[in-house]
Amino acid sequence: MSAQPPSFDPAATAPHAGARHWRRHVLLALLAVLAVWFGIISVRIARQSSRDETRSADVIVIFGAAEYAGHPSPVLRARLEHAFQLYQQHLAPLIITTGGYGQDQRYSEGGVARDYLIKRGVPENQIIAETQSSNTERATERVANIMRTNGMQTCLAVSDGYHMFRIKRMMSSHGMTVYASPRPESLHPRWLLISREALSFTLWKLHVT
């Protein structure tokens, strides 16, 4: 007796094809939602980056950037100079500097920023250095705690323009009122920076970071 060829039932494979088709549609829908979200957030970051909300507040908060062997990087120096000008205009009586230690454990961003401002003439007792944070989320959390401890509610945030949208949302999540005062050279950031910031904000919203 000759062997019979295996039978093929098209109906048997239909559920599998349907499942693959359904998964593909779900994936495409999720990607579309993500693309729309990413686009909206990028536009909002770009718009916020060009806004200068400078006004009187309880404290000026300088968000850290790199330091090199105890000396502020060009970006950090520009932020410090902008904050110093705000302080000279009597827009706030106190300054908080932020940023922890990198590979060189001798220097923190917050400490280097404090020392720079003291050399510029700001009295030491009018500067609070936050030196433990490792990223923006931790910095806003620690700054909010410092502000609550000292009875402060409003702050002038000094950083780069692209950074302001995320700073404001993070500080607001801790109950603080934030006015953005970006350093002037950073008011119109490149889209690469905006896209990277949109990703960082999205990861924060998803509690990934």
C-alpha atoms as a PDB file:
ATOM      1  CA  MET A   1       0.000   0.000   0.000  1.00  0.00           C
ATOM      2  CA  SER A   2       1.424   3.342  -0.967  1.00  0.00           C
ATOM      3  CA  ALA A   3       1.788   6.049   1.721  1.00  0.00           C
ATOM      4  CA  GLN A   4      -0.767   8.798   1.626  1.00  0.00           C
ATOM      5  CA  PRO A   5       0.565  12.365   1.391  1.00  0.00           C
ATOM      6  CA  PRO A   6      -0.105  14.502   4.500  1.00  0.00           C
ATOM      7  CA  SER A   7      -3.399  16.307   4.336  1.00  0.00           C
ATOM      8  CA  PHE A   8      -3.534  20.091   4.409  1.00  0.00           C
ATOM      9  CA  ASP A   9      -6.512  21.825   5.940  1.00  0.00           C
ATOM     10  CA  PRO A  10      -6.531  25.608   5.214  1.00  0.00           C
ATOM     11  CA  ALA A  11      -9.092  26.131   7.938  1.00  0.00           C
ATOM     12  CA  ALA A  12      -6.678  24.795  10.545  1.00  0.00           C
ATOM     13  CA  THR A  13      -4.107  27.505   9.814  1.00  0.00           C
ATOM     14  CA  ALA A  14      -6.622  30.348   9.714  1.00  0.00           C
ATOM     15  CA  PRO A  15      -6.604  31.039  13.510  1.00  0.00           C
ATOM     16  CA  HIS A  16      -2.794  31.338  13.515  1.00  0.00           C
ATOM     17  CA  ALA A  17      -2.814  33.720  10.569  1.00  0.00           C
ATOM     18  CA  GLY A  18      -5.544  35.755  12.221  1.00  0.00           C
ATOM     19  CA  ALA A  19      -3.564  36.000  15.460  1.00  0.00           C
ATOM     20  CA  ARG A  20      -0.475  37.198  13.620  1.00  0.00           C
ATOM     21  CA  HIS A  21      -2.569  39.743  11.741  1.00  0.00           C
ATOM     22  CA  TRP A  22      -4.084  41.002  15.021  1.00  0.00           C
ATOM     23  CA  ARG A  23      -0.686  41.307  16.730  1.00  0.00           C
ATOM     24  CA  ARG A  24       0.667  43.244  13.769  1.00  0.00           C
ATOM     25  CA  HIS A  25      -2.206  45.712  13.957  1.00  0.00           C
ATOM     26  CA  VAL A  26      -1.744  46.168  17.712  1.00  0.00           C
ATOM     27  CA  LEU A  27       1.982  46.790  17.259  1.00  0.00           C
ATOM     28  CA  LEU A  28       1.377  49.340  14.503  1.00  0.00           C
ATOM     29  CA  ALA A  29      -1.234  51.095  16.634  1.00  0.00           C
ATOM     30  CA  LEU A  30       1.160  51.280  19.602  1.00  0.00           C
ATOM     31  CA  LEU A  31       3.938  52.647  17.395  1.00  0.00           C
ATOM     32  CA  ALA A  32       1.560  55.262  16.009  1.00  0.00           C
ATOM     33  CA  VAL A  33       0.517  56.340  19.515  1.00  0.00           C
ATOM     34  CA  LEU A  34       4.160  56.533  20.587  1.00  0.00           C
ATOM     35  CA  ALA A  35       5.078  58.603  17.536  1.00  0.00           C
ATOM     36  CA  VAL A  36       2.236  61.055  18.191  1.00  0.00           C
ATOM     37  CA  TRP A  37       3.178  61.313  21.888  1.00  0.00           C
ATOM     38  CA  PHE A  38       6.836  61.832  21.038  1.00  0.00           C
ATOM     39  CA  GLY A  39       5.973  64.516  18.499  1.00  0.00           C
ATOM     40  CA  ILE A  40       3.692  66.410  20.891  1.00  0.00           C
ATOM     41  CA  ILE A  41       6.250  66.333  23.707  1.00  0.00           C
ATOM     42  CA  SER A  42       9.035  67.463  21.365  1.00  0.00           C
ATOM     43  CA  VAL A  43       6.984  70.471  20.269  1.00  0.00           C
ATOM     44  CA  ARG A  44       6.188  71.375  23.882  1.00  0.00           C
ATOM     45  CA  ILE A  45       9.874  71.106  24.821  1.00  0.00           C
ATOM     46  CA  ALA A  46      10.831  73.332  21.892  1.00  0.00           C
ATOM     47  CA  ARG A  47       8.241  75.951  22.835  1.00  0.00           C
ATOM     48  CA  GLN A  48       9.268  75.953  26.492  1.00  0.00           C
ATOM     49  CA  SER A  49      12.948  76.225  25.551  1.00  0.00           C
ATOM     50  CA  SER A  50      12.447  79.711  24.095  1.00  0.00           C
ATOM     51  CA  ARG A  51      10.436  81.092  27.030  1.00  0.00           C
ATOM     52  CA  ASP A  52      12.063  83.335  29.590  1.00  0.00           C
ATOM     53  CA  GLU A  53       9.828  83.474  32.686  1.00  0.00           C
ATOM     54  CA  THR A  54      12.289  85.415  34.841  1.00  0.00           C
ATOM     55  CA  ARG A  55      10.667  87.086  37.828  1.00  0.00           C
ATOM     56  CA  SER A  56      11.123  87.385  41.597  1.00  0.00           C
ATOM     57  CA  ALA A  57      11.157  84.107  43.491  1.00  0.00           C
ATOM     58  CA  ASP A  58      12.190  82.614  46.824  1.00  0.00           C
ATOM     59  CA  VAL A  59      15.371  81.078  45.439  1.00  0.00           C
ATOM     60  CA  ILE A  60      17.479  80.673  42.306  1.00  0.00           C
ATOM     61  CA  VAL A  61      18.204  77.015  41.473  1.00  0.00           C
ATOM     62  CA  ILE A  62      21.130  76.233  39.179  1.00  0.00           C
ATOM     63  CA  PHE A  63      21.001  72.769  37.639  1.00  0.00           C
ATOM     64  CA  GLY A  64      24.420  71.244  37.305  1.00  0.00           C
ATOM     65  CA  ALA A  65      26.587  70.406  34.320  1.00  0.00           C
ATOM     66  CA  ALA A  66      30.053  68.968  33.978  1.00  0.00           C
ATOM     67  CA  GLU A  67      33.044  70.158  35.956  1.00  0.00           C
ATOM     68  CA  TYR A  68      36.682  69.448  35.215  1.00  0.00           C
ATOM     69  CA  ALA A  69      39.058  68.989  38.140  1.00  0.00           C
ATOM     70  CA  GLY A  70      37.280  71.615  40.210  1.00  0.00           C
ATOM     71  CA  HIS A  71      36.582  74.036  37.373  1.00  0.00           C
ATOM     72  CA  PRO A  72      33.158  74.506  35.770  1.00  0.00           C
ATOM     73  CA  SER A  73      32.743  73.421  32.166  1.00  0.00           C
ATOM     74  CA  PRO A  74      31.768  76.145  29.664  1.00  0.00           C
ATOM     75  CA  VAL A  75      28.099  75.145  29.947  1.00  0.00           C
ATOM     76  CA  LEU A  76      28.136  75.198  33.746  1.00  0.00           C
ATOM     77  CA  ARG A  77      30.011  78.498  33.773  1.00  0.00           C
ATOM     78  CA  ALA A  78      27.410  80.048  31.464  1.00  0.00           C
ATOM     79  CA  ARG A  79      24.616  78.883  33.768  1.00  0.00           C
ATOM     80  CA  LEU A  80      26.451  80.274  36.789  1.00  0.00           C
ATOM     81  CA  GLU A  81      27.028  83.639  35.139  1.00  0.00           C
ATOM     82  CA  HIS A  82      23.352  83.860  34.204  1.00  0.00           C
ATOM     83  CA  ALA A  83      22.325  82.993  37.755  1.00  0.00           C
ATOM     84  CA  PHE A  84      24.789  85.538  39.123  1.00  0.00           C
ATOM     85  CA  GLN A  85      23.155  88.243  37.016  1.00  0.00           C
ATOM     86  CA  LEU A  86      19.744  87.244  38.363  1.00  0.00           C
ATOM     87  CA  TYR A  87      21.102  87.418  41.900  1.00  0.00           C
ATOM     88  CA  GLN A  88      22.570  90.863  41.262  1.00  0.00           C
ATOM     89  CA  GLN A  89      19.134  92.003  40.100  1.00  0.00           C
ATOM     90  CA  HIS A  90      17.791  90.993  43.556  1.00  0.00           C
ATOM     91  CA  LEU A  91      15.314  88.532  42.035  1.00  0.00           C
ATOM     92  CA  ALA A  92      15.950  86.056  44.870  1.00  0.00           C
ATOM     93  CA  PRO A  93      17.902  86.230  48.136  1.00  0.00           C
ATOM     94  CA  LEU A  94      19.295  82.684  47.991  1.00  0.00           C
ATOM     95  CA  ILE A  95      20.887  80.334  45.461  1.00  0.00           C
ATOM     96  CA  ILE A  96      20.837  76.531  45.362  1.00  0.00           C
ATOM     97  CA  THR A  97      23.487  74.779  43.275  1.00  0.00           C
ATOM     98  CA  THR A  98      22.988  71.137  42.302  1.00  0.00           C
ATOM     99  CA  GLY A  99      24.964  68.139  41.126  1.00  0.00           C
ATOM    100  CA  GLY A 100      26.836  65.243  42.638  1.00  0.00           C
ATOM    101  CA  TYR A 101      30.238  63.656  42.171  1.00  0.00           C
ATOM    102  CA  GLY A 102      31.539  62.145  38.944  1.00  0.00           C
ATOM    103  CA  GLN A 103      34.569  59.916  38.555  1.00  0.00           C
ATOM    104  CA  ASP A 104      36.716  62.385  40.496  1.00  0.00           C
ATOM    105  CA  GLN A 105      35.396  62.075  44.036  1.00  0.00           C
ATOM    106  CA  ARG A 106      37.160  65.262  45.115  1.00  0.00           C
ATOM    107  CA  TYR A 107      34.724  67.550  43.359  1.00  0.00           C
ATOM    108  CA  SER A 108      30.950  67.716  42.929  1.00  0.00           C
ATOM    109  CA  GLU A 109      29.106  69.855  40.413  1.00  0.00           C
ATOM    110  CA  GLY A 110      27.170  71.563  43.204  1.00  0.00           C
ATOM    111  CA  GLY A 111      30.328  72.235  45.203  1.00  0.00           C
ATOM    112  CA  VAL A 112      32.257  73.601  42.226  1.00  0.00           C
ATOM    113  CA  ALA A 113      29.312  75.852  41.381  1.00  0.00           C
ATOM    114  CA  ARG A 114      29.149  77.136  44.970  1.00  0.00           C
ATOM    115  CA  ASP A 115      32.867  77.926  45.013  1.00  0.00           C
ATOM    116  CA  TYR A 116      32.610  79.749  41.697  1.00  0.00           C
ATOM    117  CA  LEU A 117      29.773  81.953  42.954  1.00  0.00           C
ATOM    118  CA  ILE A 118      31.622  82.737  46.175  1.00  0.00           C
ATOM    119  CA  LYS A 119      34.585  83.925  44.099  1.00  0.00           C
ATOM    120  CA  ARG A 120      32.173  86.084  42.105  1.00  0.00           C
ATOM    121  CA  GLY A 121      31.069  87.786  45.328  1.00  0.00           C
ATOM    122  CA  VAL A 122      27.981  85.916  46.509  1.00  0.00           C
ATOM    123  CA  PRO A 123      28.112  85.512  50.312  1.00  0.00           C
ATOM    124  CA  GLU A 124      28.618  81.895  51.346  1.00  0.00           C
ATOM    125  CA  ASN A 125      25.635  81.999  53.704  1.00  0.00           C
ATOM    126  CA  GLN A 126      23.350  82.763  50.770  1.00  0.00           C
ATOM    127  CA  ILE A 127      24.294  79.604  48.831  1.00  0.00           C
ATOM    128  CA  ILE A 128      23.086  76.071  49.494  1.00  0.00           C
ATOM    129  CA  ALA A 129      25.033  73.372  47.653  1.00  0.00           C
ATOM    130  CA  GLU A 130      23.196  70.138  46.860  1.00  0.00           C
ATOM    131  CA  THR A 131      25.983  67.655  46.120  1.00  0.00           C
ATOM    132  CA  GLN A 132      24.414  64.189  46.101  1.00  0.00           C
ATOM    133  CA  SER A 133      22.161  64.055  43.018  1.00  0.00           C
ATOM    134  CA  SER A 134      23.209  62.007  39.993  1.00  0.00           C
ATOM    135  CA  ASN A 135      20.541  63.130  37.512  1.00  0.00           C
ATOM    136  CA  THR A 136      17.757  65.671  37.009  1.00  0.00           C
ATOM    137  CA  GLU A 137      15.115  63.579  38.760  1.00  0.00           C
ATOM    138  CA  ARG A 138      17.213  63.236  41.910  1.00  0.00           C
ATOM    139  CA  ALA A 139      18.208  66.901  41.762  1.00  0.00           C
ATOM    140  CA  THR A 140      14.596  68.103  41.637  1.00  0.00           C
ATOM    141  CA  GLU A 141      13.663  65.772  44.475  1.00  0.00           C
ATOM    142  CA  ARG A 142      16.473  67.008  46.697  1.00  0.00           C
ATOM    143  CA  VAL A 143      15.925  70.666  45.767  1.00  0.00           C
ATOM    144  CA  ALA A 144      12.233  70.347  46.637  1.00  0.00           C
ATOM    145  CA  ASN A 145      13.179  68.926  50.053  1.00  0.00           C
ATOM    146  CA  ILE A 146      15.602  71.817  50.655  1.00  0.00           C
ATOM    147  CA  MET A 147      12.939  74.326  49.663  1.00  0.00           C
ATOM    148  CA  ARG A 148      10.305  72.783  51.940  1.00  0.00           C
ATOM    149  CA  THR A 149      12.753  72.684  54.854  1.00  0.00           C
ATOM    150  CA  ASN A 150      13.485  76.398  54.391  1.00  0.00           C
ATOM    151  CA  GLY A 151       9.880  77.480  53.834  1.00  0.00           C
ATOM    152  CA  MET A 152      10.313  78.206  50.111  1.00  0.00           C
ATOM    153  CA  GLN A 153       7.657  77.711  47.449  1.00  0.00           C
ATOM    154  CA  THR A 154       8.882  79.419  44.268  1.00  0.00           C
ATOM    155  CA  CYS A 155      12.142  79.180  42.374  1.00  0.00           C
ATOM    156  CA  LEU A 156      13.878  80.528  39.298  1.00  0.00           C
ATOM    157  CA  ALA A 157      15.322  77.495  37.504  1.00  0.00           C
ATOM    158  CA  VAL A 158      18.552  78.113  35.612  1.00  0.00           C
ATOM    159  CA  SER A 159      19.636  75.590  33.010  1.00  0.00           C
ATOM    160  CA  ASP A 160      19.632  75.218  29.234  1.00  0.00           C
ATOM    161  CA  GLY A 161      16.433  75.885  27.327  1.00  0.00           C
ATOM    162  CA  TYR A 162      15.835  72.302  26.222  1.00  0.00           C
ATOM    163  CA  HIS A 163      16.033  71.171  29.872  1.00  0.00           C
ATOM    164  CA  MET A 164      13.310  73.467  31.208  1.00  0.00           C
ATOM    165  CA  PHE A 165      10.202  71.494  30.256  1.00  0.00           C
ATOM    166  CA  ARG A 166      11.340  68.437  32.207  1.00  0.00           C
ATOM    167  CA  ILE A 167      12.604  70.478  35.159  1.00  0.00           C
ATOM    168  CA  LYS A 168       9.286  72.282  35.499  1.00  0.00           C
ATOM    169  CA  ARG A 169       7.253  69.061  35.373  1.00  0.00           C
ATOM    170  CA  MET A 170       9.502  67.306  37.872  1.00  0.00           C
ATOM    171  CA  MET A 171       9.536  70.207  40.323  1.00  0.00           C
ATOM    172  CA  SER A 172       5.775  70.615  39.979  1.00  0.00           C
ATOM    173  CA  SER A 173       5.349  66.938  40.872  1.00  0.00           C
ATOM    174  CA  HIS A 174       6.938  67.848  44.227  1.00  0.00           C
ATOM    175  CA  GLY A 175       4.555  70.768  44.746  1.00  0.00           C
ATOM    176  CA  MET A 176       6.933  73.587  43.798  1.00  0.00           C
ATOM    177  CA  THR A 177       6.249  76.576  41.552  1.00  0.00           C
ATOM    178  CA  VAL A 178       8.990  76.976  38.950  1.00  0.00           C
ATOM    179  CA  TYR A 179       9.810  79.860  36.626  1.00  0.00           C
ATOM    180  CA  ALA A 180      12.179  79.057  33.788  1.00  0.00           C
ATOM    181  CA  SER A 181      15.196  81.295  33.268  1.00  0.00           C
ATOM    182  CA  PRO A 182      17.336  79.546  30.627  1.00  0.00           C
ATOM    183  CA  ARG A 183      20.795  80.819  29.855  1.00  0.00           C
ATOM    184  CA  PRO A 184      20.403  83.123  26.826  1.00  0.00           C
ATOM    185  CA  GLU A 185      22.702  81.130  24.535  1.00  0.00           C
ATOM    186  CA  SER A 186      20.433  78.067  24.844  1.00  0.00           C
ATOM    187  CA  LEU A 187      17.060  79.521  23.857  1.00  0.00           C
ATOM    188  CA  HIS A 188      16.911  77.785  20.464  1.00  0.00           C
ATOM    189  CA  PRO A 189      18.280  74.245  20.885  1.00  0.00           C
ATOM    190  CA  ARG A 190      18.915  71.785  18.070  1.00  0.00           C
ATOM    191  CA  TRP A 191      16.282  69.141  17.415  1.00  0.00           C
ATOM    192  CA  LEU A 192      18.705  66.398  18.412  1.00  0.00           C
ATOM    193  CA  LEU A 193      18.786  67.792  21.948  1.00  0.00           C
ATOM    194  CA  ILE A 194      15.008  68.180  21.951  1.00  0.00           C
ATOM    195  CA  SER A 195      14.513  64.568  20.816  1.00  0.00           C
ATOM    196  CA  ARG A 196      16.865  63.286  23.506  1.00  0.00           C
ATOM    197  CA  GLU A 197      15.024  65.342  26.105  1.00  0.00           C
ATOM    198  CA  ALA A 198      11.667  64.011  24.879  1.00  0.00           C
ATOM    199  CA  LEU A 199      12.977  60.480  25.421  1.00  0.00           C
ATOM    200  CA  SER A 200      14.207  61.336  28.934  1.00  0.00           C
ATOM    201  CA  PHE A 201      10.851  62.882  29.817  1.00  0.00           C
ATOM    202  CA  THR A 202       8.966  59.867  28.458  1.00  0.00           C
ATOM    203  CA  LEU A 203      11.102  57.435  30.461  1.00  0.00           C
ATOM    204  CA  TRP A 204      10.454  59.515  33.596  1.00  0.00           C
ATOM    205  CA  LYS A 205       6.699  59.459  32.975  1.00  0.00           C
ATOM    206  CA  LEU A 206       6.864  55.689  32.555  1.00  0.00           C
ATOM    207  CA  HIS A 207       8.880  55.413  35.819  1.00  0.00           C
ATOM    208  CA  VAL A 208      11.705  53.743  33.924  1.00  0.00           C
ATOM    209  CA  THR A 209      14.366  56.064  35.331  1.00  0.00           C
END
